[in-house]
N, C-alpha and C. Protein backbone atom coordinates (compact mmCIF):
# COMPACT_ATOMS: atom_id res chain seq x y z
N UNK A 1 19.57 20.13 -21.19
CA UNK A 1 18.90 19.98 -22.51
C UNK A 1 17.52 19.72 -22.33
N UNK A 2 16.63 20.36 -23.13
CA UNK A 2 15.27 19.91 -23.27
C UNK A 2 14.97 19.15 -24.42
N UNK A 3 14.04 18.30 -24.39
CA UNK A 3 13.71 17.40 -25.49
C UNK A 3 12.22 17.65 -25.86
N UNK A 4 11.93 17.59 -27.24
CA UNK A 4 10.62 17.50 -27.63
C UNK A 4 10.30 15.99 -28.07
N UNK A 5 9.04 15.83 -28.43
CA UNK A 5 8.83 14.42 -28.76
C UNK A 5 9.56 14.05 -30.11
N UNK A 6 9.49 14.99 -31.04
CA UNK A 6 10.27 14.78 -32.18
C UNK A 6 11.78 14.43 -31.89
N UNK A 7 12.50 15.28 -31.20
CA UNK A 7 13.94 14.89 -30.78
C UNK A 7 14.05 13.77 -29.99
N UNK A 8 13.09 13.32 -29.18
CA UNK A 8 13.06 12.20 -28.23
C UNK A 8 13.13 10.87 -29.25
N UNK A 9 12.16 10.85 -30.22
CA UNK A 9 12.07 9.83 -31.21
C UNK A 9 13.48 9.61 -31.92
N UNK A 10 14.15 10.66 -32.25
CA UNK A 10 15.36 10.62 -32.95
C UNK A 10 16.40 10.16 -32.01
N UNK A 11 16.49 10.44 -30.82
CA UNK A 11 17.33 10.07 -29.83
C UNK A 11 17.33 8.63 -29.58
N UNK A 12 16.11 8.19 -29.46
CA UNK A 12 15.92 6.71 -29.20
C UNK A 12 16.40 5.84 -30.42
N UNK A 13 16.16 6.38 -31.63
CA UNK A 13 16.66 5.52 -32.79
C UNK A 13 18.21 5.77 -32.82
N UNK A 14 18.78 6.84 -32.50
CA UNK A 14 20.25 7.04 -32.52
C UNK A 14 20.93 6.16 -31.36
N UNK A 15 20.29 6.08 -30.13
CA UNK A 15 20.94 5.36 -29.14
C UNK A 15 20.89 3.88 -29.33
N UNK A 16 19.77 3.35 -29.87
CA UNK A 16 19.58 1.84 -30.17
C UNK A 16 20.04 1.42 -31.51
N UNK A 17 20.34 2.45 -32.40
CA UNK A 17 20.85 2.18 -33.80
C UNK A 17 19.78 1.19 -34.41
N UNK A 18 18.54 1.62 -34.28
CA UNK A 18 17.36 0.76 -34.80
C UNK A 18 16.47 1.81 -35.42
N UNK A 19 16.37 1.75 -36.73
CA UNK A 19 15.36 2.38 -37.56
C UNK A 19 14.29 1.51 -38.17
N UNK A 20 14.23 0.31 -37.71
CA UNK A 20 13.41 -0.70 -38.39
C UNK A 20 11.87 -0.13 -38.14
N UNK A 21 11.08 -0.13 -39.21
CA UNK A 21 9.78 0.52 -39.17
C UNK A 21 8.85 -0.03 -37.93
N UNK A 22 8.88 -1.34 -37.74
CA UNK A 22 8.05 -1.95 -36.65
C UNK A 22 8.51 -1.32 -35.31
N UNK A 23 9.86 -1.21 -35.11
CA UNK A 23 10.46 -0.76 -33.87
C UNK A 23 9.94 0.69 -33.78
N UNK A 24 10.15 1.57 -34.81
CA UNK A 24 9.85 2.96 -34.75
C UNK A 24 8.26 3.16 -34.48
N UNK A 25 7.51 2.24 -34.99
CA UNK A 25 6.15 2.41 -34.73
C UNK A 25 5.87 2.20 -33.21
N UNK A 26 6.65 1.51 -32.47
CA UNK A 26 6.39 1.31 -31.01
C UNK A 26 6.90 2.28 -30.13
N UNK A 27 7.79 3.30 -30.76
CA UNK A 27 8.32 4.34 -29.92
C UNK A 27 7.28 5.05 -28.98
N UNK A 28 6.23 5.48 -29.65
CA UNK A 28 5.15 6.12 -28.72
C UNK A 28 4.69 5.35 -27.64
N UNK A 29 4.58 3.94 -27.74
CA UNK A 29 4.25 3.24 -26.60
C UNK A 29 5.41 3.13 -25.56
N UNK A 30 6.57 3.01 -25.94
CA UNK A 30 7.81 3.05 -25.00
C UNK A 30 7.76 4.45 -24.24
N UNK A 31 7.53 5.49 -25.01
CA UNK A 31 7.48 6.85 -24.24
C UNK A 31 6.27 6.92 -23.30
N UNK A 32 5.11 6.45 -23.54
CA UNK A 32 4.14 6.43 -22.61
C UNK A 32 4.16 5.48 -21.55
N UNK A 33 4.81 4.32 -21.68
CA UNK A 33 5.11 3.47 -20.47
C UNK A 33 6.11 4.03 -19.60
N UNK A 34 7.09 4.74 -20.16
CA UNK A 34 8.07 5.37 -19.31
C UNK A 34 7.46 6.45 -18.50
N UNK A 35 6.59 7.30 -19.11
CA UNK A 35 5.91 8.36 -18.51
C UNK A 35 5.01 7.80 -17.29
N UNK A 36 4.39 6.82 -17.58
CA UNK A 36 3.47 6.15 -16.39
C UNK A 36 4.27 5.76 -15.42
N UNK A 37 5.37 5.02 -15.58
CA UNK A 37 6.35 4.67 -14.50
C UNK A 37 6.80 5.87 -13.62
N UNK A 38 7.19 6.84 -14.34
CA UNK A 38 7.85 8.06 -13.73
C UNK A 38 6.84 8.69 -12.78
N UNK A 39 5.61 8.97 -13.44
CA UNK A 39 4.54 9.68 -12.70
C UNK A 39 4.03 8.95 -11.48
N UNK A 40 4.10 7.69 -11.54
CA UNK A 40 3.65 6.80 -10.50
C UNK A 40 4.76 6.54 -9.33
N UNK A 41 6.00 7.00 -9.77
CA UNK A 41 7.13 6.88 -8.89
C UNK A 41 7.53 8.09 -8.07
N UNK A 42 7.18 9.24 -8.58
CA UNK A 42 7.65 10.57 -7.99
C UNK A 42 6.40 11.53 -7.87
N UNK A 43 6.33 12.22 -6.80
CA UNK A 43 5.40 13.21 -6.61
C UNK A 43 6.06 14.50 -7.01
N UNK A 44 5.50 15.04 -8.14
CA UNK A 44 6.09 16.30 -8.65
C UNK A 44 5.08 17.35 -8.46
N UNK A 45 5.64 18.44 -7.63
CA UNK A 45 4.69 19.50 -7.30
C UNK A 45 4.18 20.27 -8.42
N UNK A 46 5.14 20.37 -9.56
CA UNK A 46 4.57 21.05 -10.72
C UNK A 46 3.41 20.47 -11.47
N UNK A 47 3.23 19.15 -11.06
CA UNK A 47 2.19 18.40 -11.81
C UNK A 47 0.98 18.19 -10.74
N UNK A 48 0.62 19.30 -10.11
CA UNK A 48 -0.41 19.23 -9.04
C UNK A 48 -1.39 20.38 -9.51
N UNK A 49 -2.65 20.18 -9.15
CA UNK A 49 -3.64 21.06 -9.46
C UNK A 49 -4.85 20.81 -8.46
N UNK A 50 -5.83 21.74 -8.40
CA UNK A 50 -6.90 21.72 -7.49
C UNK A 50 -8.29 21.72 -8.29
N UNK A 51 -9.33 21.21 -7.64
CA UNK A 51 -10.50 21.25 -8.24
C UNK A 51 -11.55 21.40 -7.08
N UNK A 52 -12.42 22.28 -7.33
CA UNK A 52 -13.51 22.60 -6.36
C UNK A 52 -14.88 21.73 -6.75
N UNK A 53 -15.47 21.07 -5.88
CA UNK A 53 -16.58 20.38 -6.03
C UNK A 53 -17.62 20.28 -4.88
N UNK A 54 -18.59 19.36 -4.86
CA UNK A 54 -19.48 19.40 -3.75
C UNK A 54 -19.80 17.89 -3.36
N UNK A 55 -19.97 17.74 -1.99
CA UNK A 55 -20.42 16.44 -1.70
C UNK A 55 -21.90 16.32 -1.86
N UNK A 56 -22.48 15.06 -1.83
CA UNK A 56 -23.87 14.90 -1.96
C UNK A 56 -24.47 14.37 -0.57
N UNK A 57 -25.63 15.07 -0.35
CA UNK A 57 -26.38 14.67 0.94
C UNK A 57 -26.54 13.22 1.09
N UNK A 58 -26.20 12.54 2.13
CA UNK A 58 -26.26 11.16 2.42
C UNK A 58 -25.53 10.21 1.48
N UNK A 59 -24.48 10.78 0.81
CA UNK A 59 -23.56 9.94 -0.11
C UNK A 59 -22.24 10.15 0.33
N UNK A 60 -21.73 9.01 0.92
CA UNK A 60 -20.25 8.96 1.66
C UNK A 60 -19.21 8.87 0.59
N UNK A 61 -19.51 8.94 -0.73
CA UNK A 61 -18.39 8.74 -1.73
C UNK A 61 -18.21 10.12 -2.52
N UNK A 62 -17.05 10.33 -2.84
CA UNK A 62 -16.70 11.59 -3.64
C UNK A 62 -15.92 11.14 -4.97
N UNK A 63 -16.39 11.48 -6.09
CA UNK A 63 -15.94 10.98 -7.37
C UNK A 63 -14.69 11.90 -7.65
N UNK A 64 -13.55 11.18 -8.16
CA UNK A 64 -12.38 11.77 -8.37
C UNK A 64 -12.35 12.22 -9.80
N UNK A 65 -11.48 13.17 -10.17
CA UNK A 65 -11.35 13.64 -11.49
C UNK A 65 -10.77 12.65 -12.44
N UNK A 66 -11.05 12.74 -13.73
CA UNK A 66 -10.45 11.80 -14.65
C UNK A 66 -9.05 11.64 -14.72
N UNK A 67 -8.38 12.78 -14.56
CA UNK A 67 -6.93 12.75 -14.59
C UNK A 67 -6.22 12.70 -13.29
N UNK A 68 -6.93 12.13 -12.36
CA UNK A 68 -6.43 11.95 -11.02
C UNK A 68 -5.28 10.95 -10.97
N UNK A 69 -4.23 11.24 -10.30
CA UNK A 69 -3.08 10.33 -10.05
C UNK A 69 -2.92 10.05 -8.52
N UNK A 70 -2.95 11.03 -7.76
CA UNK A 70 -2.79 10.73 -6.25
C UNK A 70 -3.27 12.02 -5.49
N UNK A 71 -3.87 11.80 -4.35
CA UNK A 71 -4.39 12.95 -3.56
C UNK A 71 -3.34 13.64 -2.78
N UNK A 72 -3.32 14.87 -2.85
CA UNK A 72 -2.35 15.67 -1.93
C UNK A 72 -3.16 16.23 -0.70
N UNK A 73 -4.21 16.72 -0.90
CA UNK A 73 -5.13 17.22 0.30
C UNK A 73 -6.63 17.42 -0.03
N UNK A 74 -7.47 17.19 0.82
CA UNK A 74 -8.84 17.41 0.62
C UNK A 74 -9.38 18.24 1.78
N UNK A 75 -10.08 19.35 1.44
CA UNK A 75 -10.57 20.16 2.40
C UNK A 75 -12.02 20.44 2.29
N UNK A 76 -12.91 20.82 3.34
CA UNK A 76 -14.14 21.14 3.15
C UNK A 76 -14.33 22.50 3.71
N UNK A 77 -15.28 23.29 3.08
CA UNK A 77 -15.68 24.71 3.39
C UNK A 77 -16.75 24.67 4.40
N UNK A 78 -16.60 25.23 5.61
CA UNK A 78 -17.52 25.31 6.55
C UNK A 78 -18.58 26.20 6.03
N UNK A 79 -19.91 25.86 5.94
CA UNK A 79 -20.94 26.68 5.29
C UNK A 79 -21.21 27.97 6.25
N UNK A 80 -20.95 27.90 7.49
CA UNK A 80 -21.21 29.01 8.43
C UNK A 80 -20.19 29.99 8.60
N UNK A 81 -18.89 29.50 8.51
CA UNK A 81 -17.67 30.46 8.84
C UNK A 81 -16.92 30.55 7.54
N UNK A 82 -17.14 29.83 6.45
CA UNK A 82 -16.34 29.80 5.21
C UNK A 82 -15.02 29.39 5.51
N UNK A 83 -14.71 28.93 6.72
CA UNK A 83 -13.31 28.44 6.84
C UNK A 83 -13.01 27.09 6.15
N UNK A 84 -11.76 27.03 5.75
CA UNK A 84 -11.37 25.82 4.91
C UNK A 84 -10.72 24.88 5.90
N UNK A 85 -11.42 23.56 6.12
CA UNK A 85 -10.84 22.69 7.10
C UNK A 85 -10.43 21.49 6.44
N UNK A 86 -9.13 21.02 6.64
CA UNK A 86 -8.49 19.95 5.93
C UNK A 86 -9.05 18.61 6.61
N UNK A 87 -9.26 17.64 5.77
CA UNK A 87 -9.77 16.47 6.33
C UNK A 87 -8.53 15.46 6.44
N UNK A 88 -8.58 14.64 7.46
CA UNK A 88 -7.49 13.66 7.76
C UNK A 88 -7.58 12.48 6.86
N UNK A 89 -6.44 12.07 6.29
CA UNK A 89 -6.31 10.97 5.40
C UNK A 89 -6.17 9.64 6.27
N UNK A 90 -6.93 8.82 6.09
CA UNK A 90 -6.90 7.49 6.79
C UNK A 90 -7.19 6.22 5.73
N UNK A 91 -7.17 5.09 6.14
CA UNK A 91 -7.45 3.95 5.18
C UNK A 91 -8.93 3.71 5.33
N UNK A 92 -9.47 2.89 4.37
CA UNK A 92 -10.80 2.57 4.32
C UNK A 92 -11.28 1.72 5.54
N UNK A 93 -10.47 0.89 6.10
CA UNK A 93 -10.80 0.16 7.38
C UNK A 93 -11.12 1.15 8.51
N UNK A 94 -10.15 2.27 8.68
CA UNK A 94 -10.38 3.22 9.70
C UNK A 94 -11.76 3.92 9.54
N UNK A 95 -12.02 4.23 8.20
CA UNK A 95 -13.42 4.90 8.10
C UNK A 95 -14.68 4.05 8.34
N UNK A 96 -14.53 2.73 8.04
CA UNK A 96 -15.53 1.79 8.31
C UNK A 96 -15.70 1.57 9.71
N UNK A 97 -14.59 1.56 10.46
CA UNK A 97 -14.72 1.27 11.78
C UNK A 97 -15.20 2.51 12.70
N UNK A 98 -14.62 3.62 12.26
CA UNK A 98 -14.93 4.99 13.12
C UNK A 98 -16.38 5.52 12.75
N UNK A 99 -16.79 5.16 11.48
CA UNK A 99 -18.09 5.80 11.05
C UNK A 99 -18.78 4.58 10.48
N UNK A 100 -19.32 3.49 11.47
CA UNK A 100 -19.93 2.33 10.92
C UNK A 100 -21.38 2.48 10.42
N UNK A 101 -22.03 3.57 10.85
CA UNK A 101 -23.38 3.79 10.38
C UNK A 101 -23.54 4.84 9.39
N UNK A 102 -23.76 4.51 8.11
CA UNK A 102 -23.97 5.55 6.98
C UNK A 102 -24.97 6.49 7.35
N UNK A 103 -25.97 6.12 8.04
CA UNK A 103 -27.08 6.97 8.39
C UNK A 103 -26.75 8.04 9.49
N UNK A 104 -25.51 7.83 10.24
CA UNK A 104 -25.10 8.86 11.18
C UNK A 104 -24.25 9.92 10.40
N UNK A 105 -24.93 10.96 10.09
CA UNK A 105 -24.31 11.97 9.14
C UNK A 105 -23.75 13.13 9.94
N UNK A 106 -22.91 13.99 9.24
CA UNK A 106 -22.28 15.03 9.82
C UNK A 106 -21.36 15.75 8.84
N UNK A 107 -20.59 16.73 9.14
CA UNK A 107 -19.51 17.37 8.33
C UNK A 107 -18.45 16.41 8.33
N UNK A 108 -18.00 16.09 7.16
CA UNK A 108 -16.83 15.07 7.10
C UNK A 108 -15.52 15.72 7.65
N UNK A 109 -14.94 14.74 8.34
CA UNK A 109 -13.51 15.07 9.04
C UNK A 109 -12.49 14.22 8.51
N UNK A 110 -12.82 12.95 7.87
CA UNK A 110 -11.83 12.13 7.38
C UNK A 110 -12.16 11.63 5.92
N UNK A 111 -11.13 11.28 5.33
CA UNK A 111 -11.33 10.60 4.04
C UNK A 111 -10.42 9.52 3.87
N UNK A 112 -10.59 8.62 3.11
CA UNK A 112 -9.83 7.50 2.54
C UNK A 112 -9.94 7.23 0.96
N UNK A 113 -8.90 6.60 0.50
CA UNK A 113 -9.03 6.10 -0.85
C UNK A 113 -9.74 4.89 -1.10
N UNK A 114 -10.98 4.99 -1.82
CA UNK A 114 -11.82 3.87 -1.71
C UNK A 114 -11.48 3.05 -2.95
N UNK A 115 -11.31 3.49 -4.08
CA UNK A 115 -10.94 2.81 -5.31
C UNK A 115 -10.27 3.80 -6.26
N UNK A 116 -10.00 3.52 -7.53
CA UNK A 116 -9.40 4.47 -8.51
C UNK A 116 -10.22 5.52 -8.84
N UNK A 117 -11.49 5.48 -8.50
CA UNK A 117 -12.51 6.46 -8.95
C UNK A 117 -13.14 7.28 -7.90
N UNK A 118 -12.88 6.94 -6.72
CA UNK A 118 -13.60 7.61 -5.66
C UNK A 118 -12.93 7.66 -4.33
N UNK A 119 -13.27 8.64 -3.45
CA UNK A 119 -12.85 8.63 -2.02
C UNK A 119 -14.05 8.29 -1.26
N UNK A 120 -13.85 7.75 -0.07
CA UNK A 120 -14.91 7.63 1.00
C UNK A 120 -14.56 8.55 2.11
N UNK A 121 -15.82 9.15 2.52
CA UNK A 121 -15.82 10.26 3.41
C UNK A 121 -16.45 9.75 4.90
N UNK A 122 -15.85 10.19 5.91
CA UNK A 122 -16.45 10.01 7.29
C UNK A 122 -16.45 11.21 8.01
N UNK A 123 -17.61 11.56 8.71
CA UNK A 123 -18.93 10.75 8.51
C UNK A 123 -19.59 11.03 7.20
N UNK A 124 -20.58 10.35 6.94
CA UNK A 124 -21.44 10.63 5.69
C UNK A 124 -21.94 12.10 5.79
N UNK A 125 -21.80 13.02 4.60
CA UNK A 125 -22.25 14.23 4.61
C UNK A 125 -23.70 14.49 4.91
N UNK A 126 -24.00 15.36 5.82
CA UNK A 126 -25.37 15.72 6.33
C UNK A 126 -25.97 16.72 5.38
N UNK A 127 -25.14 17.34 4.38
CA UNK A 127 -25.60 18.26 3.51
C UNK A 127 -24.58 18.34 2.28
N UNK A 128 -24.85 19.18 1.27
CA UNK A 128 -24.03 19.34 0.20
C UNK A 128 -22.90 20.43 0.73
N UNK A 129 -21.58 20.00 0.89
CA UNK A 129 -20.61 20.77 1.30
C UNK A 129 -19.66 21.06 0.04
N UNK A 130 -19.17 22.26 0.18
CA UNK A 130 -18.03 22.60 -0.88
C UNK A 130 -16.85 22.04 -0.50
N UNK A 131 -16.20 21.39 -1.42
CA UNK A 131 -14.86 20.64 -1.04
C UNK A 131 -13.70 21.15 -2.09
N UNK A 132 -12.54 21.08 -1.65
CA UNK A 132 -11.36 21.47 -2.62
C UNK A 132 -10.44 20.33 -2.60
N UNK A 133 -10.26 19.73 -3.63
CA UNK A 133 -9.24 18.51 -3.77
C UNK A 133 -8.02 19.11 -4.44
N UNK A 134 -6.88 18.97 -3.83
CA UNK A 134 -5.62 19.14 -4.35
C UNK A 134 -5.00 17.72 -4.72
N UNK A 135 -4.67 17.60 -5.89
CA UNK A 135 -4.13 16.25 -6.36
C UNK A 135 -3.11 16.30 -7.43
N UNK A 136 -2.33 15.28 -7.54
CA UNK A 136 -1.37 15.03 -8.49
C UNK A 136 -2.15 14.41 -9.71
N UNK A 137 -1.78 14.86 -10.96
CA UNK A 137 -2.56 14.36 -12.08
C UNK A 137 -1.55 13.94 -13.30
N UNK A 138 -2.17 13.06 -14.06
CA UNK A 138 -1.45 12.57 -15.36
C UNK A 138 -1.50 13.90 -16.30
N UNK A 139 -0.30 14.48 -16.70
CA UNK A 139 -0.36 15.38 -17.67
C UNK A 139 -0.50 14.77 -19.16
N UNK A 140 -0.84 15.47 -20.04
CA UNK A 140 -0.94 15.07 -21.53
C UNK A 140 0.49 14.47 -21.81
N UNK A 141 0.56 13.35 -22.48
CA UNK A 141 1.85 12.64 -22.88
C UNK A 141 2.45 13.57 -23.95
N UNK A 142 3.80 13.52 -23.87
CA UNK A 142 4.60 14.39 -24.79
C UNK A 142 4.43 13.71 -26.11
N UNK A 143 3.87 12.51 -26.26
CA UNK A 143 3.71 11.92 -27.58
C UNK A 143 2.53 12.82 -28.27
N UNK A 144 1.57 13.35 -27.65
CA UNK A 144 0.53 14.09 -28.23
C UNK A 144 0.65 15.47 -28.16
N UNK A 145 1.44 16.02 -27.12
CA UNK A 145 1.66 17.39 -26.88
C UNK A 145 2.90 18.05 -27.47
N UNK A 146 3.82 17.11 -27.92
CA UNK A 146 5.13 17.56 -28.53
C UNK A 146 6.15 18.00 -27.38
N UNK A 147 5.58 18.61 -26.46
CA UNK A 147 6.41 19.05 -25.27
C UNK A 147 5.73 18.69 -23.92
N UNK A 148 6.53 18.61 -22.94
CA UNK A 148 5.99 18.26 -21.68
C UNK A 148 6.89 18.84 -20.42
N UNK A 149 6.31 18.71 -19.25
CA UNK A 149 7.24 19.20 -18.08
C UNK A 149 8.62 18.41 -18.02
N UNK A 150 8.29 17.03 -18.12
CA UNK A 150 9.51 16.13 -18.08
C UNK A 150 10.43 16.36 -19.09
N UNK A 151 10.04 16.61 -20.22
CA UNK A 151 10.93 16.85 -21.49
C UNK A 151 11.62 18.12 -21.38
N UNK A 152 10.96 19.11 -20.77
CA UNK A 152 11.50 20.41 -20.65
C UNK A 152 12.36 20.73 -19.40
N UNK A 153 12.04 20.06 -18.36
CA UNK A 153 12.73 20.13 -17.09
C UNK A 153 13.61 19.10 -16.55
N UNK A 154 13.23 17.85 -17.02
CA UNK A 154 14.10 16.77 -16.54
C UNK A 154 14.19 15.67 -17.50
N UNK A 155 14.72 15.97 -18.70
CA UNK A 155 14.70 15.13 -19.77
C UNK A 155 15.52 13.69 -19.62
N UNK A 156 16.41 13.72 -18.64
CA UNK A 156 17.19 12.56 -18.60
C UNK A 156 16.35 11.28 -18.21
N UNK A 157 15.53 11.58 -17.32
CA UNK A 157 14.67 10.49 -16.75
C UNK A 157 13.76 10.04 -17.82
N UNK A 158 13.33 10.92 -18.71
CA UNK A 158 12.42 10.53 -19.72
C UNK A 158 13.14 9.61 -20.74
N UNK A 159 14.39 10.30 -21.20
CA UNK A 159 15.11 9.56 -22.12
C UNK A 159 15.58 8.05 -21.68
N UNK A 160 16.09 8.04 -20.53
CA UNK A 160 16.50 6.65 -20.16
C UNK A 160 15.32 5.73 -19.79
N UNK A 161 14.28 6.28 -19.28
CA UNK A 161 13.03 5.58 -19.11
C UNK A 161 12.53 4.97 -20.34
N UNK A 162 12.60 5.68 -21.37
CA UNK A 162 12.17 5.28 -22.81
C UNK A 162 13.12 4.18 -23.25
N UNK A 163 14.39 4.43 -23.02
CA UNK A 163 15.45 3.58 -23.64
C UNK A 163 15.23 2.22 -22.86
N UNK A 164 14.93 2.25 -21.47
CA UNK A 164 14.74 1.08 -20.88
C UNK A 164 13.52 0.20 -21.48
N UNK A 165 12.40 0.85 -21.81
CA UNK A 165 11.26 0.12 -22.49
C UNK A 165 11.67 -0.27 -23.82
N UNK A 166 12.58 0.41 -24.59
CA UNK A 166 12.89 -0.01 -25.83
C UNK A 166 13.80 -1.20 -25.92
N UNK A 167 14.66 -1.25 -24.91
CA UNK A 167 15.61 -2.44 -24.83
C UNK A 167 14.82 -3.62 -24.23
N UNK A 168 13.89 -3.50 -23.53
CA UNK A 168 13.05 -4.54 -23.12
C UNK A 168 12.36 -5.11 -24.32
N UNK A 169 11.80 -4.36 -25.25
CA UNK A 169 11.17 -4.76 -26.50
C UNK A 169 12.21 -5.45 -27.42
N UNK A 170 13.32 -4.77 -27.47
CA UNK A 170 14.36 -5.38 -28.37
C UNK A 170 14.94 -6.74 -27.92
N UNK A 171 14.97 -6.98 -26.57
CA UNK A 171 15.79 -8.01 -25.98
C UNK A 171 17.07 -7.85 -26.44
N UNK A 172 17.69 -6.56 -26.17
CA UNK A 172 18.89 -6.21 -26.65
C UNK A 172 20.12 -6.85 -25.70
N UNK A 173 21.39 -6.20 -25.96
CA UNK A 173 22.49 -6.68 -25.25
C UNK A 173 22.16 -6.47 -23.82
N UNK A 174 22.46 -7.43 -22.92
CA UNK A 174 22.08 -7.37 -21.54
C UNK A 174 22.86 -6.34 -20.87
N UNK A 175 24.16 -6.13 -21.12
CA UNK A 175 24.96 -5.07 -20.50
C UNK A 175 24.53 -3.69 -20.77
N UNK A 176 24.05 -3.37 -22.03
CA UNK A 176 23.59 -2.24 -22.36
C UNK A 176 22.14 -1.98 -21.70
N UNK A 177 21.41 -2.95 -21.56
CA UNK A 177 20.09 -2.92 -20.89
C UNK A 177 20.24 -2.50 -19.47
N UNK A 178 21.31 -3.22 -18.80
CA UNK A 178 21.59 -3.05 -17.46
C UNK A 178 22.03 -1.57 -17.18
N UNK A 179 22.85 -1.09 -18.23
CA UNK A 179 23.36 0.29 -18.07
C UNK A 179 22.29 1.32 -18.08
N UNK A 180 21.31 1.07 -19.11
CA UNK A 180 20.12 2.03 -19.26
C UNK A 180 19.12 1.89 -18.00
N UNK A 181 19.15 0.81 -17.47
CA UNK A 181 18.30 0.69 -16.20
C UNK A 181 19.03 1.37 -15.09
N UNK A 182 20.33 1.27 -14.95
CA UNK A 182 21.00 2.01 -13.89
C UNK A 182 20.82 3.61 -14.07
N UNK A 183 21.01 3.91 -15.34
CA UNK A 183 20.94 5.35 -15.69
C UNK A 183 19.60 5.87 -15.35
N UNK A 184 18.57 5.02 -15.69
CA UNK A 184 17.20 5.42 -15.34
C UNK A 184 16.82 5.57 -13.94
N UNK A 185 17.44 4.63 -13.19
CA UNK A 185 17.24 4.63 -11.74
C UNK A 185 17.96 5.83 -11.11
N UNK A 186 19.16 6.18 -11.56
CA UNK A 186 19.93 7.27 -11.17
C UNK A 186 19.18 8.72 -11.35
N UNK A 187 18.65 8.68 -12.57
CA UNK A 187 17.95 9.93 -13.08
C UNK A 187 16.54 10.05 -12.11
N UNK A 188 16.06 8.92 -11.88
CA UNK A 188 14.76 8.88 -11.12
C UNK A 188 15.07 9.35 -9.66
N UNK A 189 16.04 8.90 -9.15
CA UNK A 189 16.46 9.36 -7.68
C UNK A 189 16.74 10.91 -7.71
N UNK A 190 17.32 11.39 -8.60
CA UNK A 190 17.59 12.88 -8.80
C UNK A 190 16.37 13.59 -8.81
N UNK A 191 15.25 13.04 -9.67
CA UNK A 191 13.97 13.80 -9.78
C UNK A 191 13.28 13.59 -8.52
N UNK A 192 13.42 12.49 -7.66
CA UNK A 192 12.76 12.47 -6.37
C UNK A 192 13.24 13.43 -5.48
N UNK A 193 14.60 13.76 -5.50
CA UNK A 193 15.28 14.73 -4.63
C UNK A 193 14.59 16.03 -4.92
N UNK A 194 14.40 16.31 -6.22
CA UNK A 194 13.78 17.65 -6.62
C UNK A 194 12.30 17.66 -6.32
N UNK A 195 11.50 16.63 -6.60
CA UNK A 195 10.06 16.62 -6.51
C UNK A 195 9.68 16.45 -4.95
N UNK A 196 10.23 15.59 -4.23
CA UNK A 196 9.92 15.29 -2.90
C UNK A 196 10.80 15.96 -1.75
N UNK A 197 11.76 16.79 -2.26
CA UNK A 197 12.55 17.50 -1.26
C UNK A 197 12.69 18.94 -1.50
N UNK A 198 13.45 19.24 -2.51
CA UNK A 198 13.92 20.57 -2.74
C UNK A 198 12.62 21.30 -3.23
N UNK A 199 11.80 20.73 -3.93
CA UNK A 199 10.65 21.52 -4.44
C UNK A 199 9.30 21.41 -3.52
N UNK A 200 9.52 20.88 -2.45
CA UNK A 200 8.41 20.59 -1.55
C UNK A 200 8.11 22.00 -0.85
N UNK A 201 6.79 22.43 -0.92
CA UNK A 201 6.63 23.80 -0.40
C UNK A 201 5.62 23.72 0.73
N UNK A 202 4.30 23.85 0.58
CA UNK A 202 3.21 23.82 1.48
C UNK A 202 2.78 22.45 1.92
N UNK A 203 3.43 21.58 2.42
CA UNK A 203 3.03 20.28 2.73
C UNK A 203 2.23 20.34 4.03
N UNK A 204 0.95 20.37 3.95
CA UNK A 204 0.11 20.52 5.22
C UNK A 204 0.09 19.17 5.96
N UNK A 205 -0.28 18.14 5.33
CA UNK A 205 -0.68 16.89 6.06
C UNK A 205 0.70 16.11 6.19
N UNK A 206 0.80 15.23 7.25
CA UNK A 206 1.97 14.38 7.45
C UNK A 206 1.94 13.21 6.65
N UNK A 207 3.07 12.55 6.53
CA UNK A 207 3.11 11.30 5.87
C UNK A 207 3.56 11.44 4.34
N UNK A 208 3.89 12.63 3.93
CA UNK A 208 4.46 12.92 2.59
C UNK A 208 6.03 12.45 2.61
N UNK A 209 6.42 12.17 1.33
CA UNK A 209 7.83 11.95 1.26
C UNK A 209 8.59 13.10 1.58
N UNK A 210 9.71 12.85 2.32
CA UNK A 210 10.68 13.91 2.56
C UNK A 210 12.18 13.60 2.21
N UNK A 211 13.04 14.39 1.98
CA UNK A 211 14.49 14.00 1.93
C UNK A 211 15.25 15.06 2.78
N UNK A 212 16.36 14.60 3.39
CA UNK A 212 17.15 15.41 4.34
C UNK A 212 18.39 15.90 3.48
N UNK A 213 18.79 17.13 3.85
CA UNK A 213 20.00 17.68 3.22
C UNK A 213 21.02 18.12 4.28
């Protein structure tokens, strides 16, 4: 079964037996909170895209796209051979220790997540390099788009995730709240099997989530 935002709103009212106007007005918030939890819990290959950009001479930071959620891979295009070379993902401390002098520049070989807005590169670029970032992104919410990947392909996790948020707001019956939490966790695990196992294709770098069959 696939759900649209309109049908999801009706389902939440039916499940909770609550049509009180103030409750209904909060349903968009419940949905968006559920979406945020889901997207931060599971790497979904269908919600991945790439963006081409350029490093800046003597600038060790690379700004992330506005809809960035998590990095899948980062590569630099060699200006002489046009070969696409993947950078190794490390932590900030590794970059600081391995490339301690920002003035010591070269073609970047490593990167780390610096903050929610940028990556840090090592070494500092000695020229403007073309780079390609593959990343997971926050898709438009079903609240504003009416349809979404989750609603079309894995509606159960969206439904139970939204019900979970609704029952937290309602301070509803604890047994029902526990049941919806359990249903949400069950659906989330099924989505993880799909997103991080069965639908995993070209995982170049190590360290990504895997499931065994």
